[in-house]
Amino acid sequence: QPMLVLEIGTFTGYSAICLSKGLQQGGKVHSIELNKDDAHLSS
């Protein structure tokens, strides 16, 4: 039940979505993606 999660490598967003499932109220996943196209798709 994290408040803050860091993901290094978003790809198409699948894992970030999974990690967001247990967030505390007001919690956030910060996800970092180098590839512009993948960042757009994950968004």
ModelCIF file with pLDDT and N, C-alpha, C, O atoms, coordinates in Angstrom:
data_MODEL
#
_entry.id   MODEL 
#
_entity.id                         1 
_entity.type                       polymer 
_entity.pdbx_number_of_molecules   1 
#
_entity_poly.entity_id                      1 
_entity_poly.type                           'polypeptide(L)' 
_entity_poly.nstd_linkage                   no 
_entity_poly.nstd_monomer                   no 
_entity_poly.pdbx_seq_one_letter_code       QPMLVLEIGTFTGYSAICLSKGLQQGGKVHSIELNKDDAHLSS 
_entity_poly.pdbx_seq_one_letter_code_can   QPMLVLEIGTFTGYSAICLSKGLQQGGKVHSIELNKDDAHLSS 
_entity_poly.pdbx_strand_id                 A 
#
loop_
_entity_poly_seq.entity_id 
_entity_poly_seq.num 
_entity_poly_seq.mon_id 
_entity_poly_seq.hetero 
1 1  GLN n 
1 2  PRO n 
1 3  MET n 
1 4  LEU n 
1 5  VAL n 
1 6  LEU n 
1 7  GLU n 
1 8  ILE n 
1 9  GLY n 
1 10 THR n 
1 11 PHE n 
1 12 THR n 
1 13 GLY n 
1 14 TYR n 
1 15 SER n 
1 16 ALA n 
1 17 ILE n 
1 18 CYS n 
1 19 LEU n 
1 20 SER n 
1 21 LYS n 
1 22 GLY n 
1 23 LEU n 
1 24 GLN n 
1 25 GLN n 
1 26 GLY n 
1 27 GLY n 
1 28 LYS n 
1 29 VAL n 
1 30 HIS n 
1 31 SER n 
1 32 ILE n 
1 33 GLU n 
1 34 LEU n 
1 35 ASN n 
1 36 LYS n 
1 37 ASP n 
1 38 ASP n 
1 39 ALA n 
1 40 HIS n 
1 41 LEU n 
1 42 SER n 
1 43 SER n 
#
_struct_asym.id          A 
_struct_asym.entity_id   1 
#
loop_
_ma_qa_metric.id 
_ma_qa_metric.mode 
_ma_qa_metric.name 
_ma_qa_metric.software_group_id 
_ma_qa_metric.type 
1 global pLDDT . pLDDT 
2 local  pLDDT . pLDDT 
#
_ma_qa_metric_global.metric_id      1 
_ma_qa_metric_global.metric_value   97.60 
_ma_qa_metric_global.model_id       1 
_ma_qa_metric_global.ordinal_id     1 
#
loop_
_ma_qa_metric_local.label_asym_id 
_ma_qa_metric_local.label_comp_id 
_ma_qa_metric_local.label_seq_id 
_ma_qa_metric_local.metric_id 
_ma_qa_metric_local.metric_value 
_ma_qa_metric_local.model_id 
_ma_qa_metric_local.ordinal_id 
A GLN 1  2 98.00 1 1  
A PRO 2  2 98.00 1 2  
A MET 3  2 98.00 1 3  
A LEU 4  2 98.00 1 4  
A VAL 5  2 98.00 1 5  
A LEU 6  2 99.00 1 6  
A GLU 7  2 98.00 1 7  
A ILE 8  2 98.00 1 8  
A GLY 9  2 98.00 1 9  
A THR 10 2 97.00 1 10 
A PHE 11 2 96.00 1 11 
A THR 12 2 96.00 1 12 
A GLY 13 2 97.00 1 13 
A TYR 14 2 97.00 1 14 
A SER 15 2 98.00 1 15 
A ALA 16 2 98.00 1 16 
A ILE 17 2 98.00 1 17 
A CYS 18 2 98.00 1 18 
A LEU 19 2 98.00 1 19 
A SER 20 2 98.00 1 20 
A LYS 21 2 98.00 1 21 
A GLY 22 2 98.00 1 22 
A LEU 23 2 98.00 1 23 
A GLN 24 2 98.00 1 24 
A GLN 25 2 97.00 1 25 
A GLY 26 2 97.00 1 26 
A GLY 27 2 98.00 1 27 
A LYS 28 2 98.00 1 28 
A VAL 29 2 98.00 1 29 
A HIS 30 2 98.00 1 30 
A SER 31 2 98.00 1 31 
A ILE 32 2 98.00 1 32 
A GLU 33 2 98.00 1 33 
A LEU 34 2 97.00 1 34 
A ASN 35 2 97.00 1 35 
A LYS 36 2 97.00 1 36 
A ASP 37 2 96.00 1 37 
A ASP 38 2 97.00 1 38 
A ALA 39 2 97.00 1 39 
A HIS 40 2 97.00 1 40 
A LEU 41 2 97.00 1 41 
A SER 42 2 98.00 1 42 
A SER 43 2 98.00 1 43 
#
loop_
_atom_site.group_PDB 
_atom_site.id 
_atom_site.type_symbol 
_atom_site.label_atom_id 
_atom_site.label_alt_id 
_atom_site.label_comp_id 
_atom_site.label_asym_id 
_atom_site.label_entity_id 
_atom_site.label_seq_id 
_atom_site.pdbx_PDB_ins_code 
_atom_site.Cartn_x 
_atom_site.Cartn_y 
_atom_site.Cartn_z 
_atom_site.occupancy 
_atom_site.B_iso_or_equiv 
_atom_site.pdbx_formal_charge 
_atom_site.auth_seq_id 
_atom_site.auth_comp_id 
_atom_site.auth_asym_id 
_atom_site.auth_atom_id 
_atom_site.pdbx_PDB_model_num 
ATOM 1   N N  . GLN A 1 1  ? 0.835  -1.208 0.000   1.00 98.00 ? 1  GLN A N  1 
ATOM 2   C CA . GLN A 1 1  ? 0.000  0.000  0.000   1.00 98.00 ? 1  GLN A CA 1 
ATOM 3   C C  . GLN A 1 1  ? 0.874  1.264  0.000   1.00 98.00 ? 1  GLN A C  1 
ATOM 4   O O  . GLN A 1 1  ? 0.851  2.049  0.948   1.00 98.00 ? 1  GLN A O  1 
ATOM 5   N N  . PRO A 1 2  ? 1.626  1.437  -1.060  1.00 98.00 ? 2  PRO A N  1 
ATOM 6   C CA . PRO A 1 2  ? 2.595  2.546  -1.105  1.00 98.00 ? 2  PRO A CA 1 
ATOM 7   C C  . PRO A 1 2  ? 1.941  3.907  -1.292  1.00 98.00 ? 2  PRO A C  1 
ATOM 8   O O  . PRO A 1 2  ? 0.837  4.032  -1.822  1.00 98.00 ? 2  PRO A O  1 
ATOM 9   N N  . MET A 1 3  ? 2.655  4.903  -0.843  1.00 98.00 ? 3  MET A N  1 
ATOM 10  C CA . MET A 1 3  ? 2.279  6.277  -1.159  1.00 98.00 ? 3  MET A CA 1 
ATOM 11  C C  . MET A 1 3  ? 3.017  6.751  -2.403  1.00 98.00 ? 3  MET A C  1 
ATOM 12  O O  . MET A 1 3  ? 2.476  7.502  -3.214  1.00 98.00 ? 3  MET A O  1 
ATOM 13  N N  . LEU A 1 4  ? 4.267  6.299  -2.542  1.00 98.00 ? 4  LEU A N  1 
ATOM 14  C CA . LEU A 1 4  ? 5.073  6.733  -3.672  1.00 98.00 ? 4  LEU A CA 1 
ATOM 15  C C  . LEU A 1 4  ? 5.809  5.545  -4.305  1.00 98.00 ? 4  LEU A C  1 
ATOM 16  O O  . LEU A 1 4  ? 6.508  4.793  -3.627  1.00 98.00 ? 4  LEU A O  1 
ATOM 17  N N  . VAL A 1 5  ? 5.633  5.403  -5.595  1.00 98.00 ? 5  VAL A N  1 
ATOM 18  C CA . VAL A 1 5  ? 6.277  4.351  -6.377  1.00 98.00 ? 5  VAL A CA 1 
ATOM 19  C C  . VAL A 1 5  ? 7.082  5.011  -7.486  1.00 98.00 ? 5  VAL A C  1 
ATOM 20  O O  . VAL A 1 5  ? 6.622  5.963  -8.118  1.00 98.00 ? 5  VAL A O  1 
ATOM 21  N N  . LEU A 1 6  ? 8.273  4.505  -7.716  1.00 99.00 ? 6  LEU A N  1 
ATOM 22  C CA . LEU A 1 6  ? 9.090  4.962  -8.840  1.00 99.00 ? 6  LEU A CA 1 
ATOM 23  C C  . LEU A 1 6  ? 9.274  3.804  -9.807  1.00 99.00 ? 6  LEU A C  1 
ATOM 24  O O  . LEU A 1 6  ? 9.679  2.711  -9.412  1.00 99.00 ? 6  LEU A O  1 
ATOM 25  N N  . GLU A 1 7  ? 8.975  4.051  -11.074 1.00 98.00 ? 7  GLU A N  1 
ATOM 26  C CA . GLU A 1 7  ? 9.217  3.064  -12.113 1.00 98.00 ? 7  GLU A CA 1 
ATOM 27  C C  . GLU A 1 7  ? 10.211 3.643  -13.111 1.00 98.00 ? 7  GLU A C  1 
ATOM 28  O O  . GLU A 1 7  ? 10.009 4.738  -13.638 1.00 98.00 ? 7  GLU A O  1 
ATOM 29  N N  . ILE A 1 8  ? 11.278 2.906  -13.364 1.00 98.00 ? 8  ILE A N  1 
ATOM 30  C CA . ILE A 1 8  ? 12.291 3.332  -14.333 1.00 98.00 ? 8  ILE A CA 1 
ATOM 31  C C  . ILE A 1 8  ? 12.126 2.459  -15.572 1.00 98.00 ? 8  ILE A C  1 
ATOM 32  O O  . ILE A 1 8  ? 12.582 1.316  -15.603 1.00 98.00 ? 8  ILE A O  1 
ATOM 33  N N  . GLY A 1 9  ? 11.477 3.001  -16.579 1.00 98.00 ? 9  GLY A N  1 
ATOM 34  C CA . GLY A 1 9  ? 11.164 2.264  -17.795 1.00 98.00 ? 9  GLY A CA 1 
ATOM 35  C C  . GLY A 1 9  ? 9.678  1.980  -17.885 1.00 98.00 ? 9  GLY A C  1 
ATOM 36  O O  . GLY A 1 9  ? 9.203  0.985  -17.338 1.00 98.00 ? 9  GLY A O  1 
ATOM 37  N N  . THR A 1 10 ? 8.930  2.847  -18.573 1.00 97.00 ? 10 THR A N  1 
ATOM 38  C CA . THR A 1 10 ? 7.472  2.727  -18.640 1.00 97.00 ? 10 THR A CA 1 
ATOM 39  C C  . THR A 1 10 ? 7.012  1.762  -19.721 1.00 97.00 ? 10 THR A C  1 
ATOM 40  O O  . THR A 1 10 ? 6.044  1.027  -19.529 1.00 97.00 ? 10 THR A O  1 
ATOM 41  N N  . PHE A 1 11 ? 7.701  1.761  -20.857 1.00 96.00 ? 11 PHE A N  1 
ATOM 42  C CA . PHE A 1 11 ? 7.314  1.018  -22.055 1.00 96.00 ? 11 PHE A CA 1 
ATOM 43  C C  . PHE A 1 11 ? 5.902  1.440  -22.466 1.00 96.00 ? 11 PHE A C  1 
ATOM 44  O O  . PHE A 1 11 ? 5.692  2.622  -22.736 1.00 96.00 ? 11 PHE A O  1 
ATOM 45  N N  . THR A 1 12 ? 4.936  0.540  -22.524 1.00 96.00 ? 12 THR A N  1 
ATOM 46  C CA . THR A 1 12 ? 3.584  0.948  -22.944 1.00 96.00 ? 12 THR A CA 1 
ATOM 47  C C  . THR A 1 12 ? 2.632  1.105  -21.762 1.00 96.00 ? 12 THR A C  1 
ATOM 48  O O  . THR A 1 12 ? 1.422  1.233  -21.954 1.00 96.00 ? 12 THR A O  1 
ATOM 49  N N  . GLY A 1 13 ? 3.166  1.097  -20.547 1.00 97.00 ? 13 GLY A N  1 
ATOM 50  C CA . GLY A 1 13 ? 2.363  1.456  -19.382 1.00 97.00 ? 13 GLY A CA 1 
ATOM 51  C C  . GLY A 1 13 ? 1.755  0.320  -18.585 1.00 97.00 ? 13 GLY A C  1 
ATOM 52  O O  . GLY A 1 13 ? 1.138  0.558  -17.546 1.00 97.00 ? 13 GLY A O  1 
ATOM 53  N N  . TYR A 1 14 ? 1.914  -0.907 -19.047 1.00 97.00 ? 14 TYR A N  1 
ATOM 54  C CA . TYR A 1 14 ? 1.267  -2.053 -18.394 1.00 97.00 ? 14 TYR A CA 1 
ATOM 55  C C  . TYR A 1 14 ? 1.682  -2.173 -16.923 1.00 97.00 ? 14 TYR A C  1 
ATOM 56  O O  . TYR A 1 14 ? 0.826  -2.261 -16.043 1.00 97.00 ? 14 TYR A O  1 
ATOM 57  N N  . SER A 1 15 ? 2.977  -2.178 -16.661 1.00 98.00 ? 15 SER A N  1 
ATOM 58  C CA . SER A 1 15 ? 3.457  -2.383 -15.292 1.00 98.00 ? 15 SER A CA 1 
ATOM 59  C C  . SER A 1 15 ? 3.100  -1.209 -14.382 1.00 98.00 ? 15 SER A C  1 
ATOM 60  O O  . SER A 1 15 ? 2.800  -1.414 -13.206 1.00 98.00 ? 15 SER A O  1 
ATOM 61  N N  . ALA A 1 16 ? 3.126  0.011  -14.904 1.00 98.00 ? 16 ALA A N  1 
ATOM 62  C CA . ALA A 1 16 ? 2.755  1.175  -14.092 1.00 98.00 ? 16 ALA A CA 1 
ATOM 63  C C  . ALA A 1 16 ? 1.300  1.086  -13.652 1.00 98.00 ? 16 ALA A C  1 
ATOM 64  O O  . ALA A 1 16 ? 0.962  1.427  -12.519 1.00 98.00 ? 16 ALA A O  1 
ATOM 65  N N  . ILE A 1 17 ? 0.445  0.628  -14.554 1.00 98.00 ? 17 ILE A N  1 
ATOM 66  C CA . ILE A 1 17 ? -0.966 0.445  -14.211 1.00 98.00 ? 17 ILE A CA 1 
ATOM 67  C C  . ILE A 1 17 ? -1.102 -0.580 -13.092 1.00 98.00 ? 17 ILE A C  1 
ATOM 68  O O  . ILE A 1 17 ? -1.858 -0.374 -12.142 1.00 98.00 ? 17 ILE A O  1 
ATOM 69  N N  . CYS A 1 18 ? -0.369 -1.684 -13.207 1.00 98.00 ? 18 CYS A N  1 
ATOM 70  C CA . CYS A 1 18 ? -0.401 -2.710 -12.157 1.00 98.00 ? 18 CYS A CA 1 
ATOM 71  C C  . CYS A 1 18 ? 0.071  -2.148 -10.822 1.00 98.00 ? 18 CYS A C  1 
ATOM 72  O O  . CYS A 1 18 ? -0.550 -2.400 -9.789  1.00 98.00 ? 18 CYS A O  1 
ATOM 73  N N  . LEU A 1 19 ? 1.154  -1.395 -10.834 1.00 98.00 ? 19 LEU A N  1 
ATOM 74  C CA . LEU A 1 19 ? 1.702  -0.836 -9.605  1.00 98.00 ? 19 LEU A CA 1 
ATOM 75  C C  . LEU A 1 19 ? 0.780  0.206  -8.976  1.00 98.00 ? 19 LEU A C  1 
ATOM 76  O O  . LEU A 1 19 ? 0.841  0.441  -7.770  1.00 98.00 ? 19 LEU A O  1 
ATOM 77  N N  . SER A 1 20 ? -0.070 0.827  -9.784  1.00 98.00 ? 20 SER A N  1 
ATOM 78  C CA . SER A 1 20 ? -0.981 1.850  -9.269  1.00 98.00 ? 20 SER A CA 1 
ATOM 79  C C  . SER A 1 20 ? -2.152 1.248  -8.491  1.00 98.00 ? 20 SER A C  1 
ATOM 80  O O  . SER A 1 20 ? -2.863 1.970  -7.792  1.00 98.00 ? 20 SER A O  1 
ATOM 81  N N  . LYS A 1 21 ? -2.357 -0.053 -8.604  1.00 98.00 ? 21 LYS A N  1 
ATOM 82  C CA . LYS A 1 21 ? -3.556 -0.687 -8.046  1.00 98.00 ? 21 LYS A CA 1 
ATOM 83  C C  . LYS A 1 21 ? -3.626 -0.646 -6.526  1.00 98.00 ? 21 LYS A C  1 
ATOM 84  O O  . LYS A 1 21 ? -4.717 -0.636 -5.956  1.00 98.00 ? 21 LYS A O  1 
ATOM 85  N N  . GLY A 1 22 ? -2.460 -0.622 -5.860  1.00 98.00 ? 22 GLY A N  1 
ATOM 86  C CA . GLY A 1 22 ? -2.475 -0.675 -4.399  1.00 98.00 ? 22 GLY A CA 1 
ATOM 87  C C  . GLY A 1 22 ? -2.121 0.627  -3.716  1.00 98.00 ? 22 GLY A C  1 
ATOM 88  O O  . GLY A 1 22 ? -1.905 0.644  -2.504  1.00 98.00 ? 22 GLY A O  1 
ATOM 89  N N  . LEU A 1 23 ? -2.056 1.710  -4.455  1.00 98.00 ? 23 LEU A N  1 
ATOM 90  C CA . LEU A 1 23 ? -1.673 2.995  -3.886  1.00 98.00 ? 23 LEU A CA 1 
ATOM 91  C C  . LEU A 1 23 ? -2.615 3.439  -2.767  1.00 98.00 ? 23 LEU A C  1 
ATOM 92  O O  . LEU A 1 23 ? -3.825 3.221  -2.832  1.00 98.00 ? 23 LEU A O  1 
ATOM 93  N N  . GLN A 1 24 ? -2.040 4.059  -1.748  1.00 98.00 ? 24 GLN A N  1 
ATOM 94  C CA . GLN A 1 24 ? -2.861 4.731  -0.745  1.00 98.00 ? 24 GLN A CA 1 
ATOM 95  C C  . GLN A 1 24 ? -3.610 5.884  -1.409  1.00 98.00 ? 24 GLN A C  1 
ATOM 96  O O  . GLN A 1 24 ? -3.248 6.321  -2.501  1.00 98.00 ? 24 GLN A O  1 
ATOM 97  N N  . GLN A 1 25 ? -4.639 6.365  -0.754  1.00 97.00 ? 25 GLN A N  1 
ATOM 98  C CA . GLN A 1 25 ? -5.360 7.516  -1.275  1.00 97.00 ? 25 GLN A CA 1 
ATOM 99  C C  . GLN A 1 25 ? -4.393 8.694  -1.408  1.00 97.00 ? 25 GLN A C  1 
ATOM 100 O O  . GLN A 1 25 ? -3.703 9.049  -0.452  1.00 97.00 ? 25 GLN A O  1 
ATOM 101 N N  . GLY A 1 26 ? -4.348 9.280  -2.566  1.00 97.00 ? 26 GLY A N  1 
ATOM 102 C CA . GLY A 1 26 ? -3.434 10.383 -2.830  1.00 97.00 ? 26 GLY A CA 1 
ATOM 103 C C  . GLY A 1 26 ? -2.053 9.942  -3.263  1.00 97.00 ? 26 GLY A C  1 
ATOM 104 O O  . GLY A 1 26 ? -1.203 10.783 -3.557  1.00 97.00 ? 26 GLY A O  1 
ATOM 105 N N  . GLY A 1 27 ? -1.806 8.634  -3.310  1.00 98.00 ? 27 GLY A N  1 
ATOM 106 C CA . GLY A 1 27 ? -0.510 8.120  -3.717  1.00 98.00 ? 27 GLY A CA 1 
ATOM 107 C C  . GLY A 1 27 ? -0.274 8.271  -5.213  1.00 98.00 ? 27 GLY A C  1 
ATOM 108 O O  . GLY A 1 27 ? -1.212 8.446  -5.991  1.00 98.00 ? 27 GLY A O  1 
ATOM 109 N N  . LYS A 1 28 ? 0.991  8.202  -5.602  1.00 98.00 ? 28 LYS A N  1 
ATOM 110 C CA . LYS A 1 28 ? 1.355  8.396  -7.005  1.00 98.00 ? 28 LYS A CA 1 
ATOM 111 C C  . LYS A 1 28 ? 2.429  7.392  -7.445  1.00 98.00 ? 28 LYS A C  1 
ATOM 112 O O  . LYS A 1 28 ? 3.283  6.977  -6.661  1.00 98.00 ? 28 LYS A O  1 
ATOM 113 N N  . VAL A 1 29 ? 2.353  7.025  -8.707  1.00 98.00 ? 29 VAL A N  1 
ATOM 114 C CA . VAL A 1 29 ? 3.427  6.316  -9.387  1.00 98.00 ? 29 VAL A CA 1 
ATOM 115 C C  . VAL A 1 29 ? 4.144  7.325  -10.274 1.00 98.00 ? 29 VAL A C  1 
ATOM 116 O O  . VAL A 1 29 ? 3.521  7.931  -11.146 1.00 98.00 ? 29 VAL A O  1 
ATOM 117 N N  . HIS A 1 30 ? 5.432  7.511  -10.066 1.00 98.00 ? 30 HIS A N  1 
ATOM 118 C CA . HIS A 1 30 ? 6.250  8.316  -10.964 1.00 98.00 ? 30 HIS A CA 1 
ATOM 119 C C  . HIS A 1 30 ? 6.933  7.343  -11.927 1.00 98.00 ? 30 HIS A C  1 
ATOM 120 O O  . HIS A 1 30 ? 7.720  6.497  -11.502 1.00 98.00 ? 30 HIS A O  1 
ATOM 121 N N  . SER A 1 31 ? 6.636  7.462  -13.204 1.00 98.00 ? 31 SER A N  1 
ATOM 122 C CA . SER A 1 31 ? 7.197  6.542  -14.187 1.00 98.00 ? 31 SER A CA 1 
ATOM 123 C C  . SER A 1 31 ? 8.010  7.315  -15.213 1.00 98.00 ? 31 SER A C  1 
ATOM 124 O O  . SER A 1 31 ? 7.575  8.352  -15.714 1.00 98.00 ? 31 SER A O  1 
ATOM 125 N N  . ILE A 1 32 ? 9.195  6.800  -15.519 1.00 98.00 ? 32 ILE A N  1 
ATOM 126 C CA . ILE A 1 32 ? 10.135 7.497  -16.397 1.00 98.00 ? 32 ILE A CA 1 
ATOM 127 C C  . ILE A 1 32 ? 10.343 6.694  -17.675 1.00 98.00 ? 32 ILE A C  1 
ATOM 128 O O  . ILE A 1 32 ? 10.649 5.502  -17.629 1.00 98.00 ? 32 ILE A O  1 
ATOM 129 N N  . GLU A 1 33 ? 10.173 7.357  -18.810 1.00 98.00 ? 33 GLU A N  1 
ATOM 130 C CA . GLU A 1 33 ? 10.366 6.699  -20.103 1.00 98.00 ? 33 GLU A CA 1 
ATOM 131 C C  . GLU A 1 33 ? 11.219 7.580  -21.017 1.00 98.00 ? 33 GLU A C  1 
ATOM 132 O O  . GLU A 1 33 ? 10.932 8.762  -21.207 1.00 98.00 ? 33 GLU A O  1 
ATOM 133 N N  . LEU A 1 34 ? 12.259 6.989  -21.572 1.00 97.00 ? 34 LEU A N  1 
ATOM 134 C CA . LEU A 1 34 ? 13.164 7.726  -22.449 1.00 97.00 ? 34 LEU A CA 1 
ATOM 135 C C  . LEU A 1 34 ? 12.606 7.880  -23.859 1.00 97.00 ? 34 LEU A C  1 
ATOM 136 O O  . LEU A 1 34 ? 12.786 8.920  -24.493 1.00 97.00 ? 34 LEU A O  1 
ATOM 137 N N  . ASN A 1 35 ? 11.925 6.838  -24.349 1.00 97.00 ? 35 ASN A N  1 
ATOM 138 C CA . ASN A 1 35 ? 11.429 6.833  -25.723 1.00 97.00 ? 35 ASN A CA 1 
ATOM 139 C C  . ASN A 1 35 ? 10.151 7.676  -25.843 1.00 97.00 ? 35 ASN A C  1 
ATOM 140 O O  . ASN A 1 35 ? 9.169  7.432  -25.143 1.00 97.00 ? 35 ASN A O  1 
ATOM 141 N N  . LYS A 1 36 ? 10.179 8.659  -26.729 1.00 97.00 ? 36 LYS A N  1 
ATOM 142 C CA . LYS A 1 36 ? 9.059  9.584  -26.857 1.00 97.00 ? 36 LYS A CA 1 
ATOM 143 C C  . LYS A 1 36 ? 7.781  8.885  -27.303 1.00 97.00 ? 36 LYS A C  1 
ATOM 144 O O  . LYS A 1 36 ? 6.707  9.161  -26.769 1.00 97.00 ? 36 LYS A O  1 
ATOM 145 N N  . ASP A 1 37 ? 7.886  7.983  -28.276 1.00 96.00 ? 37 ASP A N  1 
ATOM 146 C CA . ASP A 1 37 ? 6.699  7.283  -28.780 1.00 96.00 ? 37 ASP A CA 1 
ATOM 147 C C  . ASP A 1 37 ? 6.085  6.392  -27.703 1.00 96.00 ? 37 ASP A C  1 
ATOM 148 O O  . ASP A 1 37 ? 4.863  6.334  -27.563 1.00 96.00 ? 37 ASP A O  1 
ATOM 149 N N  . ASP A 1 38 ? 6.927  5.703  -26.949 1.00 97.00 ? 38 ASP A N  1 
ATOM 150 C CA . ASP A 1 38 ? 6.415  4.851  -25.877 1.00 97.00 ? 38 ASP A CA 1 
ATOM 151 C C  . ASP A 1 38 ? 5.768  5.684  -24.776 1.00 97.00 ? 38 ASP A C  1 
ATOM 152 O O  . ASP A 1 38 ? 4.747  5.289  -24.214 1.00 97.00 ? 38 ASP A O  1 
ATOM 153 N N  . ALA A 1 39 ? 6.354  6.821  -24.472 1.00 97.00 ? 39 ALA A N  1 
ATOM 154 C CA . ALA A 1 39 ? 5.769  7.710  -23.465 1.00 97.00 ? 39 ALA A CA 1 
ATOM 155 C C  . ALA A 1 39 ? 4.387  8.170  -23.899 1.00 97.00 ? 39 ALA A C  1 
ATOM 156 O O  . ALA A 1 39 ? 3.459  8.207  -23.092 1.00 97.00 ? 39 ALA A O  1 
ATOM 157 N N  . HIS A 1 40 ? 4.249  8.520  -25.167 1.00 97.00 ? 40 HIS A N  1 
ATOM 158 C CA . HIS A 1 40 ? 2.952  8.966  -25.688 1.00 97.00 ? 40 HIS A CA 1 
ATOM 159 C C  . HIS A 1 40 ? 1.926  7.833  -25.624 1.00 97.00 ? 40 HIS A C  1 
ATOM 160 O O  . HIS A 1 40 ? 0.777  8.049  -25.237 1.00 97.00 ? 40 HIS A O  1 
ATOM 161 N N  . LEU A 1 41 ? 2.347  6.629  -26.003 1.00 97.00 ? 41 LEU A N  1 
ATOM 162 C CA . LEU A 1 41 ? 1.441  5.488  -25.991 1.00 97.00 ? 41 LEU A CA 1 
ATOM 163 C C  . LEU A 1 41 ? 1.038  5.115  -24.571 1.00 97.00 ? 41 LEU A C  1 
ATOM 164 O O  . LEU A 1 41 ? -0.128 4.814  -24.318 1.00 97.00 ? 41 LEU A O  1 
ATOM 165 N N  . SER A 1 42 ? 1.981  5.130  -23.651 1.00 98.00 ? 42 SER A N  1 
ATOM 166 C CA . SER A 1 42 ? 1.661  4.782  -22.269 1.00 98.00 ? 42 SER A CA 1 
ATOM 167 C C  . SER A 1 42 ? 0.701  5.794  -21.655 1.00 98.00 ? 42 SER A C  1 
ATOM 168 O O  . SER A 1 42 ? -0.168 5.423  -20.866 1.00 98.00 ? 42 SER A O  1 
ATOM 169 N N  . SER A 1 43 ? 0.851  7.064  -22.010 1.00 98.00 ? 43 SER A N  1 
ATOM 170 C CA . SER A 1 43 ? -0.068 8.088  -21.523 1.00 98.00 ? 43 SER A CA 1 
ATOM 171 C C  . SER A 1 43 ? -1.495 7.791  -21.977 1.00 98.00 ? 43 SER A C  1 
ATOM 172 O O  . SER A 1 43 ? -2.414 8.547  -21.661 1.00 98.00 ? 43 SER A O  1 
#
